[in-house]
Amino acid sequence: MEHVSRNLGSTYTVSTFTPDTAIKVTRIQAQAAAAPVGCTTNAVLTLSDGTTAGTRTLTVSTAENDSQPISVNYSAGAKLTLRVSTAASGCSRNTSINVVVQYKAQ
C-alpha cells in the first residue's frame, strides 16, 4: 500500500486496502519532502482494521519516519484504513509525504 499525501494539517483517510488473502504488516514508513519544522503537534498516521489489536500509529516528526519492524496480522477481507488521525499544527513549514506500508502474505 502506498500513497502520496499533500496535507498533514487536517485529519482524513489517506487510503483503504482490502487484502484478498491474510497478510502480516511488517513496517510503516513515511518520507517527508522536507522535515516538519516548529510543530506544536506532530501529525500522526494510523493504520487500522478497526480493532485495538489491528491498530498501529506512526508520528511524522522528521524527514524519515519509521515504525521499525512490526508484526500485525490481518485476515483476508479485512478493510485496512490509513489515516492522518492527528493533524499537524503550529508548523512553520507544511510538508507532503510518501507513505509505504510493507506487508507479506501469511
Protein backbone atom coordinates (compact mmCIF):
# COMPACT_ATOMS: atom_id res chain seq x y z
CA MET A 1 0.00 0.00 0.00
CA GLU A 2 1.48 3.33 -0.95
CA HIS A 3 0.10 6.84 -1.10
CA VAL A 4 1.29 10.39 -1.52
CA SER A 5 -0.20 12.81 1.00
CA ARG A 6 -0.32 16.53 0.35
CA ASN A 7 -1.65 17.91 3.61
CA LEU A 8 -0.85 16.89 7.16
CA GLY A 9 -2.75 19.86 8.61
CA SER A 10 -6.09 18.06 8.72
CA THR A 11 -7.40 14.60 9.57
CA TYR A 12 -8.62 12.44 6.71
CA THR A 13 -8.49 8.96 5.22
CA VAL A 14 -5.37 8.66 3.08
CA SER A 15 -6.12 5.24 1.63
CA THR A 16 -8.03 1.99 2.16
CA PHE A 17 -6.91 -1.50 1.30
CA THR A 18 -8.72 -4.85 1.45
CA PRO A 19 -6.37 -7.84 1.05
CA ASP A 20 -7.69 -10.92 -0.74
CA THR A 21 -5.57 -13.20 1.47
CA ALA A 22 -4.32 -12.97 5.04
CA ILE A 23 -1.33 -10.63 5.41
CA LYS A 24 1.20 -9.59 8.02
CA VAL A 25 2.17 -5.90 8.08
CA THR A 26 5.87 -5.66 8.85
CA ARG A 27 6.67 -1.91 8.73
CA ILE A 28 5.21 1.56 8.14
CA GLN A 29 7.44 4.30 6.74
CA ALA A 30 6.75 7.92 5.84
CA GLN A 31 9.26 10.05 3.96
CA ALA A 32 8.63 13.79 4.07
CA ALA A 33 9.68 16.10 1.24
CA ALA A 34 11.02 18.36 3.98
CA ALA A 35 11.11 17.75 7.72
CA PRO A 36 8.24 19.36 9.64
CA VAL A 37 9.52 22.42 11.49
CA GLY A 38 8.29 24.01 14.73
CA CYS A 39 5.13 21.95 15.08
CA THR A 40 3.31 22.24 18.39
CA THR A 41 1.56 18.99 17.42
CA ASN A 42 3.10 16.49 15.02
CA ALA A 43 0.92 14.63 12.56
CA VAL A 44 0.13 11.01 13.40
CA LEU A 45 -0.66 8.34 10.81
CA THR A 46 -2.83 5.40 11.86
CA LEU A 47 -3.18 2.06 10.10
CA SER A 48 -6.17 0.11 11.41
CA ASP A 49 -8.68 -2.61 10.70
CA GLY A 50 -10.97 -1.08 13.33
CA THR A 51 -9.72 -3.22 16.21
CA THR A 52 -7.31 -2.31 19.01
CA ALA A 53 -5.01 -5.24 18.17
CA GLY A 54 -5.00 -4.24 14.49
CA THR A 55 -4.13 -0.57 15.02
CA ARG A 56 -0.64 0.91 14.68
CA THR A 57 0.45 4.55 14.62
CA LEU A 58 3.42 6.47 13.25
CA THR A 59 4.26 10.03 14.29
CA VAL A 60 5.59 12.23 11.49
CA SER A 61 8.21 14.38 13.23
CA THR A 62 11.24 14.19 10.93
CA ALA A 63 12.00 13.77 7.23
CA GLU A 64 12.37 9.99 7.71
CA ASN A 65 9.76 8.29 9.90
CA ASP A 66 9.85 4.54 10.52
CA SER A 67 7.80 2.23 12.73
CA GLN A 68 10.75 -0.18 12.89
CA PRO A 69 9.86 -3.86 12.43
CA ILE A 70 6.30 -4.70 13.48
CA SER A 71 4.17 -7.81 13.12
CA VAL A 72 0.45 -7.23 12.75
CA ASN A 73 -1.76 -9.94 11.27
CA TYR A 74 -4.84 -9.11 9.22
CA SER A 75 -7.34 -11.59 7.85
CA ALA A 76 -8.42 -11.83 4.23
CA GLY A 77 -11.15 -9.30 3.53
CA ALA A 78 -10.24 -7.02 6.44
CA LYS A 79 -10.70 -3.38 5.45
CA LEU A 80 -7.49 -1.58 6.35
CA THR A 81 -7.57 2.19 6.59
CA LEU A 82 -4.57 4.51 6.60
CA ARG A 83 -5.48 7.89 8.12
CA VAL A 84 -3.96 11.11 9.24
CA SER A 85 -5.51 10.62 12.68
CA THR A 86 -3.87 13.63 14.35
CA ALA A 87 -3.36 16.77 12.30
CA ALA A 88 -0.09 18.68 12.47
CA SER A 89 -0.45 22.15 13.90
CA GLY A 90 1.73 25.17 14.58
CA CYS A 91 4.27 24.12 11.94
CA SER A 92 6.26 26.83 10.22
CA ARG A 93 6.57 24.53 7.20
CA ASN A 94 3.88 22.17 5.93
CA THR A 95 5.19 19.19 4.01
CA SER A 96 3.98 16.41 1.78
CA ILE A 97 4.89 12.78 2.44
CA ASN A 98 5.06 9.40 0.80
CA VAL A 99 3.80 6.54 2.95
CA VAL A 100 4.69 2.90 2.43
CA VAL A 101 3.08 0.04 4.35
CA GLN A 102 5.15 -3.12 3.94
CA TYR A 103 3.40 -6.47 4.23
CA LYS A 104 3.71 -10.10 3.25
CA ALA A 105 1.25 -12.90 2.65
CA GLN A 106 0.71 -15.31 5.51
